[in-house]
């Protein structure tokens, strides 16, 4: 008889902020392995600091290795991400980001100060 006492091996690989037509996004990539993973083993959490309250934002995900979080308005401008995976006997593996992912939803603006005769564009504040 084989007794499973090993927690799933899970690694948060990256977080990437973005913006789509609906607002701010955060793409999370991970790897999770275990011989006894449940069908939907992954849960994602966020916190605005390492000692903060970890709030789930996506639960019972398939182990696809990625998830795009479409963030609601009012979210902090920087978040930490934690990921957990559970196997069939309840062993829990987890990993989390060490640095908060910046989630800047602002749209950059540029003002053209001058266009020189040779076609060089000079942005405001440049010489």
N, C-alpha and C. Protein backbone atom coordinates (compact mmCIF):
# COMPACT_ATOMS: atom_id res chain seq x y z
N UNK A 1 0.85 -1.18 0.00
CA UNK A 1 0.00 0.00 0.00
C UNK A 1 0.90 1.24 0.00
N UNK A 2 0.53 2.20 -0.80
CA UNK A 2 1.29 3.44 -0.95
C UNK A 2 0.55 4.57 -0.24
N UNK A 3 1.23 5.25 0.69
CA UNK A 3 0.63 6.37 1.40
C UNK A 3 1.26 7.66 0.88
N UNK A 4 0.42 8.58 0.42
CA UNK A 4 0.90 9.85 -0.14
C UNK A 4 1.02 10.88 0.98
N UNK A 5 2.26 11.24 1.31
CA UNK A 5 2.49 12.28 2.32
C UNK A 5 3.20 13.50 1.72
N UNK A 6 3.39 13.47 0.40
CA UNK A 6 4.10 14.55 -0.29
C UNK A 6 3.12 15.64 -0.74
N UNK A 7 3.45 16.88 -0.43
CA UNK A 7 2.62 17.98 -0.92
C UNK A 7 2.94 18.24 -2.40
N UNK A 8 2.00 18.77 -3.15
CA UNK A 8 2.27 19.09 -4.56
C UNK A 8 3.46 20.05 -4.70
N UNK A 9 4.23 19.84 -5.75
CA UNK A 9 5.36 20.70 -6.06
C UNK A 9 4.84 21.83 -6.95
N UNK A 10 4.76 23.02 -6.39
CA UNK A 10 4.16 24.14 -7.11
C UNK A 10 5.10 25.34 -7.09
N UNK A 11 5.21 26.00 -8.24
CA UNK A 11 6.10 27.16 -8.37
C UNK A 11 5.38 28.27 -9.13
N UNK A 12 5.37 29.45 -8.54
CA UNK A 12 4.87 30.64 -9.22
C UNK A 12 5.99 31.09 -10.14
N UNK A 13 5.77 31.05 -11.44
CA UNK A 13 6.82 31.35 -12.41
C UNK A 13 6.90 32.83 -12.75
N UNK A 14 5.73 33.48 -12.92
CA UNK A 14 5.77 34.90 -13.26
C UNK A 14 4.40 35.54 -13.07
N UNK A 15 4.44 36.86 -12.94
CA UNK A 15 3.23 37.68 -12.96
C UNK A 15 3.51 38.82 -13.93
N UNK A 16 2.54 39.10 -14.79
CA UNK A 16 2.73 40.14 -15.79
C UNK A 16 1.50 41.03 -15.87
N UNK A 17 1.68 42.30 -15.55
CA UNK A 17 0.57 43.26 -15.59
C UNK A 17 0.28 43.66 -17.02
N UNK A 18 -0.97 43.98 -17.27
CA UNK A 18 -1.37 44.44 -18.59
C UNK A 18 -2.69 45.18 -18.53
N UNK A 19 -3.14 45.58 -19.68
CA UNK A 19 -4.43 46.26 -19.81
C UNK A 19 -5.11 45.69 -21.05
N UNK A 20 -6.39 45.34 -20.92
CA UNK A 20 -7.16 44.95 -22.09
C UNK A 20 -8.37 45.87 -22.21
N UNK A 21 -9.30 45.52 -23.10
CA UNK A 21 -10.45 46.40 -23.34
C UNK A 21 -11.34 46.58 -22.11
N UNK A 22 -11.21 45.70 -21.12
CA UNK A 22 -12.03 45.79 -19.91
C UNK A 22 -11.31 46.38 -18.71
N UNK A 23 -10.02 46.70 -18.84
CA UNK A 23 -9.28 47.28 -17.72
C UNK A 23 -7.99 46.53 -17.42
N UNK A 24 -7.56 46.63 -16.17
CA UNK A 24 -6.29 46.05 -15.75
C UNK A 24 -6.35 44.52 -15.68
N UNK A 25 -5.23 43.89 -16.04
CA UNK A 25 -5.12 42.44 -15.96
C UNK A 25 -3.79 42.08 -15.29
N UNK A 26 -3.75 40.88 -14.75
CA UNK A 26 -2.51 40.32 -14.24
C UNK A 26 -2.47 38.88 -14.71
N UNK A 27 -1.48 38.54 -15.53
CA UNK A 27 -1.33 37.17 -16.02
C UNK A 27 -0.39 36.43 -15.09
N UNK A 28 -0.86 35.33 -14.55
CA UNK A 28 -0.08 34.53 -13.60
C UNK A 28 0.30 33.23 -14.29
N UNK A 29 1.57 32.85 -14.19
CA UNK A 29 2.06 31.60 -14.77
C UNK A 29 2.68 30.76 -13.66
N UNK A 30 2.43 29.43 -13.71
CA UNK A 30 2.93 28.53 -12.67
C UNK A 30 3.19 27.15 -13.23
N UNK A 31 3.85 26.33 -12.42
CA UNK A 31 3.95 24.90 -12.69
C UNK A 31 3.53 24.19 -11.41
N UNK A 32 2.76 23.12 -11.55
CA UNK A 32 2.31 22.33 -10.41
C UNK A 32 2.32 20.86 -10.81
N UNK A 33 3.00 20.04 -10.02
CA UNK A 33 3.05 18.61 -10.29
C UNK A 33 2.81 17.83 -9.01
N UNK A 34 2.14 16.70 -9.17
CA UNK A 34 1.91 15.76 -8.09
C UNK A 34 1.21 14.57 -8.72
N UNK A 35 1.53 13.39 -8.30
CA UNK A 35 0.92 12.20 -8.91
C UNK A 35 -0.55 12.06 -8.57
N UNK A 36 -1.03 12.81 -7.57
CA UNK A 36 -2.42 12.68 -7.14
C UNK A 36 -3.18 14.01 -7.13
N UNK A 37 -2.86 14.91 -8.04
CA UNK A 37 -3.59 16.18 -8.08
C UNK A 37 -5.08 15.93 -8.34
N UNK A 38 -5.92 16.74 -7.71
CA UNK A 38 -7.35 16.69 -8.01
C UNK A 38 -7.58 17.33 -9.38
N UNK A 39 -8.79 17.22 -9.91
CA UNK A 39 -9.08 17.73 -11.26
C UNK A 39 -8.90 19.24 -11.36
N UNK A 40 -9.25 19.98 -10.33
CA UNK A 40 -9.12 21.45 -10.32
C UNK A 40 -8.37 21.83 -9.04
N UNK A 41 -7.05 21.67 -9.04
CA UNK A 41 -6.28 21.78 -7.80
C UNK A 41 -5.82 23.18 -7.40
N UNK A 42 -5.93 24.15 -8.28
CA UNK A 42 -5.23 25.43 -8.08
C UNK A 42 -6.16 26.53 -7.55
N UNK A 43 -5.65 27.26 -6.55
CA UNK A 43 -6.32 28.46 -6.03
C UNK A 43 -5.30 29.59 -6.02
N UNK A 44 -5.73 30.78 -6.44
CA UNK A 44 -4.87 31.97 -6.46
C UNK A 44 -5.38 32.98 -5.45
N UNK A 45 -4.44 33.64 -4.76
CA UNK A 45 -4.73 34.63 -3.73
C UNK A 45 -3.94 35.89 -4.01
N UNK A 46 -4.35 37.02 -3.43
CA UNK A 46 -3.56 38.24 -3.47
C UNK A 46 -3.56 38.89 -2.09
N UNK A 47 -2.53 39.70 -1.87
CA UNK A 47 -2.44 40.55 -0.68
C UNK A 47 -1.66 41.78 -1.08
N UNK A 48 -1.87 42.88 -0.36
CA UNK A 48 -1.10 44.09 -0.71
C UNK A 48 0.20 44.19 0.06
N UNK A 49 0.44 43.27 1.03
CA UNK A 49 1.73 43.19 1.70
C UNK A 49 1.90 41.76 2.23
N UNK A 50 3.15 41.33 2.50
CA UNK A 50 3.38 39.93 2.89
C UNK A 50 2.67 39.51 4.17
N UNK A 51 2.43 40.45 5.07
CA UNK A 51 1.76 40.13 6.33
C UNK A 51 0.26 40.38 6.28
N UNK A 52 -0.22 40.79 5.13
CA UNK A 52 -1.63 41.14 4.99
C UNK A 52 -2.53 39.93 4.93
N UNK A 53 -3.79 40.19 4.79
CA UNK A 53 -4.78 39.14 4.63
C UNK A 53 -4.73 38.66 3.17
N UNK A 54 -4.60 37.35 2.97
CA UNK A 54 -4.57 36.78 1.62
C UNK A 54 -6.00 36.48 1.20
N UNK A 55 -6.42 37.12 0.13
CA UNK A 55 -7.78 36.99 -0.39
C UNK A 55 -7.78 36.15 -1.66
N UNK A 56 -8.62 35.10 -1.73
CA UNK A 56 -8.69 34.31 -2.97
C UNK A 56 -9.37 35.11 -4.07
N UNK A 57 -8.85 35.00 -5.29
CA UNK A 57 -9.50 35.65 -6.43
C UNK A 57 -9.82 34.66 -7.55
N UNK A 58 -9.30 33.46 -7.48
CA UNK A 58 -9.63 32.42 -8.46
C UNK A 58 -9.47 31.07 -7.76
N UNK A 59 -10.54 30.30 -7.71
CA UNK A 59 -10.52 29.03 -6.98
C UNK A 59 -10.89 27.87 -7.89
N UNK A 60 -10.38 26.68 -7.54
CA UNK A 60 -10.71 25.44 -8.26
C UNK A 60 -10.38 25.53 -9.74
N UNK A 61 -9.17 26.07 -10.03
CA UNK A 61 -8.73 26.18 -11.42
C UNK A 61 -8.10 24.87 -11.88
N UNK A 62 -8.25 24.58 -13.17
CA UNK A 62 -7.51 23.47 -13.76
C UNK A 62 -6.03 23.82 -13.76
N UNK A 63 -5.19 22.82 -13.78
CA UNK A 63 -3.74 23.03 -13.76
C UNK A 63 -3.22 23.31 -15.17
N UNK A 64 -3.61 24.47 -15.72
CA UNK A 64 -3.23 24.84 -17.09
C UNK A 64 -1.88 25.54 -17.14
N UNK A 65 -1.42 26.06 -16.01
CA UNK A 65 -0.14 26.77 -15.98
C UNK A 65 -0.26 28.27 -16.17
N UNK A 66 -1.47 28.76 -16.42
CA UNK A 66 -1.62 30.21 -16.54
C UNK A 66 -3.07 30.63 -16.27
N UNK A 67 -3.21 31.89 -15.87
CA UNK A 67 -4.52 32.46 -15.60
C UNK A 67 -4.42 33.96 -15.82
N UNK A 68 -5.42 34.55 -16.46
CA UNK A 68 -5.47 36.00 -16.64
C UNK A 68 -6.54 36.55 -15.69
N UNK A 69 -6.10 37.34 -14.73
CA UNK A 69 -6.99 37.95 -13.75
C UNK A 69 -7.42 39.31 -14.27
N UNK A 70 -8.69 39.48 -14.52
CA UNK A 70 -9.25 40.77 -14.90
C UNK A 70 -9.65 41.47 -13.61
N UNK A 71 -8.86 42.45 -13.24
CA UNK A 71 -8.98 43.07 -11.92
C UNK A 71 -10.11 44.10 -11.88
N UNK A 72 -10.80 44.12 -10.77
CA UNK A 72 -11.88 45.09 -10.61
C UNK A 72 -11.30 46.45 -10.22
N UNK A 73 -12.03 47.52 -10.51
CA UNK A 73 -11.58 48.85 -10.10
C UNK A 73 -11.42 48.91 -8.58
N UNK A 74 -10.51 49.73 -8.12
CA UNK A 74 -10.29 49.89 -6.70
C UNK A 74 -9.25 48.96 -6.11
N UNK A 75 -8.68 48.07 -6.95
CA UNK A 75 -7.61 47.18 -6.45
C UNK A 75 -6.37 48.01 -6.17
N UNK A 76 -5.50 47.53 -5.25
CA UNK A 76 -4.25 48.24 -4.99
C UNK A 76 -3.39 48.34 -6.26
N UNK A 77 -2.48 49.30 -6.28
CA UNK A 77 -1.62 49.46 -7.46
C UNK A 77 -0.50 48.43 -7.50
N UNK A 78 -0.26 47.72 -6.39
CA UNK A 78 0.74 46.65 -6.34
C UNK A 78 0.17 45.51 -5.50
N UNK A 79 0.35 44.28 -5.96
CA UNK A 79 -0.13 43.13 -5.20
C UNK A 79 0.90 42.01 -5.18
N UNK A 80 0.85 41.22 -4.12
CA UNK A 80 1.59 39.96 -4.05
C UNK A 80 0.62 38.86 -4.45
N UNK A 81 1.15 37.80 -5.03
CA UNK A 81 0.32 36.68 -5.47
C UNK A 81 0.79 35.41 -4.78
N UNK A 82 -0.17 34.61 -4.31
CA UNK A 82 0.12 33.30 -3.73
C UNK A 82 -0.69 32.28 -4.52
N UNK A 83 -0.08 31.11 -4.73
CA UNK A 83 -0.76 30.03 -5.44
C UNK A 83 -0.69 28.77 -4.58
N UNK A 84 -1.77 28.02 -4.57
CA UNK A 84 -1.76 26.75 -3.84
C UNK A 84 -2.35 25.67 -4.73
N UNK A 85 -1.94 24.42 -4.46
CA UNK A 85 -2.47 23.26 -5.17
C UNK A 85 -2.69 22.15 -4.15
N UNK A 86 -3.78 21.42 -4.35
CA UNK A 86 -4.16 20.36 -3.42
C UNK A 86 -4.20 19.03 -4.15
N UNK A 87 -3.76 17.97 -3.45
CA UNK A 87 -3.87 16.64 -4.04
C UNK A 87 -5.07 15.90 -3.43
N UNK A 88 -5.30 14.67 -3.88
CA UNK A 88 -6.50 13.91 -3.49
C UNK A 88 -6.57 13.56 -2.01
N UNK A 89 -5.45 13.55 -1.32
CA UNK A 89 -5.49 13.23 0.12
C UNK A 89 -5.39 14.47 0.99
N UNK A 90 -5.42 15.66 0.36
CA UNK A 90 -5.45 16.90 1.11
C UNK A 90 -4.10 17.56 1.35
N UNK A 91 -3.03 17.01 0.79
CA UNK A 91 -1.73 17.67 0.90
C UNK A 91 -1.78 18.98 0.12
N UNK A 92 -1.22 20.03 0.71
CA UNK A 92 -1.28 21.37 0.12
C UNK A 92 0.12 21.88 -0.14
N UNK A 93 0.40 22.27 -1.38
CA UNK A 93 1.64 22.92 -1.73
C UNK A 93 1.35 24.36 -2.11
N UNK A 94 2.28 25.27 -1.81
CA UNK A 94 2.04 26.66 -2.20
C UNK A 94 3.34 27.39 -2.44
N UNK A 95 3.22 28.49 -3.15
CA UNK A 95 4.34 29.37 -3.46
C UNK A 95 3.76 30.78 -3.56
N UNK A 96 4.62 31.78 -3.41
CA UNK A 96 4.14 33.15 -3.54
C UNK A 96 5.22 34.05 -4.08
N UNK A 97 4.78 35.18 -4.61
CA UNK A 97 5.72 36.16 -5.14
C UNK A 97 6.48 36.80 -3.98
N UNK A 98 7.71 37.15 -4.24
CA UNK A 98 8.55 37.79 -3.22
C UNK A 98 8.45 39.31 -3.29
N UNK A 99 8.10 39.82 -4.46
CA UNK A 99 7.95 41.26 -4.64
C UNK A 99 6.57 41.54 -5.21
N UNK A 100 5.99 42.64 -4.81
CA UNK A 100 4.67 43.01 -5.31
C UNK A 100 4.73 43.32 -6.79
N UNK A 101 3.77 42.80 -7.53
CA UNK A 101 3.68 43.07 -8.97
C UNK A 101 3.04 44.44 -9.16
N UNK A 102 3.72 45.35 -9.87
CA UNK A 102 3.09 46.65 -10.13
C UNK A 102 1.96 46.48 -11.14
N UNK A 103 0.85 47.11 -10.85
CA UNK A 103 -0.30 47.01 -11.73
C UNK A 103 -0.73 48.42 -12.06
N UNK A 104 -0.05 49.02 -13.01
CA UNK A 104 -0.29 50.40 -13.37
C UNK A 104 -1.28 50.44 -14.51
N UNK A 105 -2.46 50.96 -14.24
CA UNK A 105 -3.48 51.02 -15.27
C UNK A 105 -3.52 52.34 -16.01
N UNK A 106 -2.58 53.22 -15.71
CA UNK A 106 -2.61 54.52 -16.36
C UNK A 106 -2.13 54.41 -17.80
N UNK A 107 -2.66 55.26 -18.64
CA UNK A 107 -2.26 55.30 -20.04
C UNK A 107 -1.23 56.40 -20.21
N UNK A 108 -0.04 56.05 -20.72
CA UNK A 108 0.98 57.08 -20.90
C UNK A 108 0.53 58.13 -21.92
N UNK A 109 0.98 59.37 -21.71
CA UNK A 109 0.69 60.44 -22.66
C UNK A 109 1.98 61.09 -23.09
N UNK A 110 1.98 61.59 -24.28
CA UNK A 110 3.14 62.27 -24.84
C UNK A 110 2.67 63.56 -25.48
N UNK A 111 3.43 64.63 -25.27
CA UNK A 111 3.16 65.89 -25.94
C UNK A 111 4.36 66.22 -26.81
N UNK A 112 4.10 66.48 -28.09
CA UNK A 112 5.19 66.82 -29.01
C UNK A 112 5.45 68.31 -28.88
N UNK A 113 6.71 68.63 -28.58
CA UNK A 113 7.11 70.01 -28.40
C UNK A 113 7.44 70.67 -29.74
N UNK A 114 8.13 69.93 -30.57
CA UNK A 114 8.62 70.53 -31.80
C UNK A 114 9.03 69.41 -32.76
N UNK A 115 8.91 69.67 -34.04
CA UNK A 115 9.45 68.76 -35.04
C UNK A 115 10.47 69.55 -35.83
N UNK A 116 11.71 69.10 -35.79
CA UNK A 116 12.80 69.78 -36.50
C UNK A 116 12.69 69.51 -38.00
N UNK A 117 13.40 70.28 -38.74
CA UNK A 117 13.36 70.16 -40.21
C UNK A 117 13.78 68.78 -40.68
N UNK A 118 14.69 68.13 -39.95
CA UNK A 118 15.16 66.82 -40.38
C UNK A 118 14.22 65.69 -39.95
N UNK A 119 13.05 66.05 -39.38
CA UNK A 119 12.06 65.05 -39.01
C UNK A 119 12.22 64.50 -37.61
N UNK A 120 13.16 65.03 -36.81
CA UNK A 120 13.37 64.55 -35.45
C UNK A 120 12.28 65.13 -34.55
N UNK A 121 11.62 64.26 -33.81
CA UNK A 121 10.59 64.70 -32.86
C UNK A 121 11.24 64.95 -31.52
N UNK A 122 10.96 66.11 -30.92
CA UNK A 122 11.53 66.46 -29.63
C UNK A 122 10.40 66.47 -28.60
N UNK A 123 10.38 65.46 -27.66
CA UNK A 123 9.33 65.45 -26.64
C UNK A 123 9.50 66.63 -25.66
N UNK A 124 8.41 67.01 -25.02
CA UNK A 124 8.45 68.09 -24.03
C UNK A 124 9.46 67.72 -22.95
N UNK A 125 10.25 68.69 -22.52
CA UNK A 125 11.25 68.48 -21.47
C UNK A 125 12.59 68.00 -21.99
N UNK A 126 12.71 67.72 -23.29
CA UNK A 126 13.99 67.28 -23.86
C UNK A 126 14.67 68.44 -24.54
N UNK A 127 15.94 68.33 -24.70
CA UNK A 127 16.73 69.33 -25.43
C UNK A 127 17.47 68.67 -26.54
